[in-house]
């Protein structure tokens, strides 16, 4: 998430609702104390860096995120090999 924030501060983000990302560990911290420890440590570091209650920078980035126009959403999408076609 921190990497996404740093990239988003420099580059434009486009919301594309038909794309999904599946995390390889699939809620592993629900079943593993070791992964839960990593998860909590990571969350603590993230919120300590970016803010625990309100994050003005995140709010600003969210407001600048542009949804993909509906007309384009049907013309642009993943190809059979995972690349984005235009």
Protein backbone atom coordinates (compact mmCIF):
# COMPACT_ATOMS: atom_id res chain seq x y z
CA UNK A 1 0.00 0.00 0.00
CA UNK A 2 2.84 2.39 0.79
CA UNK A 3 4.31 1.74 -2.67
CA UNK A 4 0.95 2.58 -4.26
CA UNK A 5 0.83 5.85 -2.31
CA UNK A 6 4.31 6.88 -3.42
CA UNK A 7 3.55 6.03 -7.05
CA UNK A 8 0.17 7.79 -6.83
CA UNK A 9 1.85 10.97 -5.62
CA UNK A 10 3.73 11.18 -8.94
CA UNK A 11 1.54 9.46 -11.52
CA UNK A 12 -2.15 9.59 -12.42
CA UNK A 13 -4.40 6.87 -11.01
CA UNK A 14 -7.37 5.61 -13.01
CA UNK A 15 -10.16 3.63 -11.37
CA UNK A 16 -11.01 0.65 -13.57
CA UNK A 17 -13.84 -1.26 -11.86
CA UNK A 18 -13.74 -4.44 -13.96
CA UNK A 19 -10.16 -5.27 -12.95
CA UNK A 20 -9.43 -7.19 -9.78
CA UNK A 21 -6.24 -8.25 -8.04
CA UNK A 22 -6.01 -11.40 -5.95
CA UNK A 23 -3.40 -11.53 -3.24
CA UNK A 24 -1.45 -14.78 -3.18
CA UNK A 25 -1.75 -15.28 0.58
CA UNK A 26 -5.57 -14.90 0.56
CA UNK A 27 -6.17 -13.74 4.14
CA UNK A 28 -3.32 -15.86 5.46
CA UNK A 29 -3.10 -13.69 8.58
CA UNK A 30 -6.51 -15.07 9.62
CA UNK A 31 -4.97 -18.52 10.04
CA UNK A 32 -1.30 -17.89 10.84
CA UNK A 33 0.05 -16.12 13.91
CA UNK A 34 3.29 -15.38 12.02
CA UNK A 35 1.42 -13.69 9.14
CA UNK A 36 -0.84 -11.86 11.59
CA UNK A 37 2.28 -10.46 13.29
CA UNK A 38 3.61 -9.24 9.91
CA UNK A 39 0.20 -7.79 9.08
CA UNK A 40 -0.08 -5.84 12.37
CA UNK A 41 3.52 -4.64 12.21
CA UNK A 42 2.99 -3.42 8.65
CA UNK A 43 -0.25 -1.64 9.59
CA UNK A 44 1.46 0.04 12.55
CA UNK A 45 4.31 1.30 10.34
CA UNK A 46 1.90 2.51 7.65
CA UNK A 47 -0.36 4.47 9.99
CA UNK A 48 2.59 5.86 11.93
CA UNK A 49 3.96 7.22 8.66
CA UNK A 50 0.74 8.46 7.05
CA UNK A 51 -1.59 9.23 9.96
CA UNK A 52 -3.89 7.36 12.30
CA UNK A 53 -7.10 9.40 12.20
CA UNK A 54 -7.21 11.69 9.17
CA UNK A 55 -4.88 11.74 6.21
CA UNK A 56 -5.20 14.93 4.14
CA UNK A 57 -2.80 13.67 1.46
CA UNK A 58 -4.81 10.46 0.96
CA UNK A 59 -8.04 12.46 0.74
CA UNK A 60 -6.45 14.68 -1.92
CA UNK A 61 -5.22 11.68 -3.94
CA UNK A 62 -8.67 10.04 -3.74
CA UNK A 63 -10.28 13.22 -5.08
CA UNK A 64 -7.86 13.26 -8.02
CA UNK A 65 -8.49 9.62 -8.99
CA UNK A 66 -10.28 9.71 -12.31
CA UNK A 67 -12.87 7.05 -13.16
CA UNK A 68 -12.53 5.55 -16.63
CA UNK A 69 -15.32 7.00 -18.82
CA UNK A 70 -18.12 4.48 -19.47
CA UNK A 71 -17.63 4.67 -23.25
CA UNK A 72 -14.01 3.62 -22.87
CA UNK A 73 -14.59 0.86 -20.34
CA UNK A 74 -15.97 -1.47 -23.01
CA UNK A 75 -13.15 -0.72 -25.47
CA UNK A 76 -10.25 -1.18 -23.05
CA UNK A 77 -9.64 -4.35 -21.15
CA UNK A 78 -7.35 -7.25 -20.46
CA UNK A 79 -6.42 -9.52 -23.34
CA UNK A 80 -6.19 -13.31 -23.09
CA UNK A 81 -2.54 -13.03 -21.98
CA UNK A 82 -3.19 -10.39 -19.30
CA UNK A 83 -1.96 -7.34 -21.23
CA UNK A 84 -4.18 -4.26 -21.49
CA UNK A 85 -5.58 -3.67 -24.98
CA UNK A 86 -6.56 -0.25 -26.27
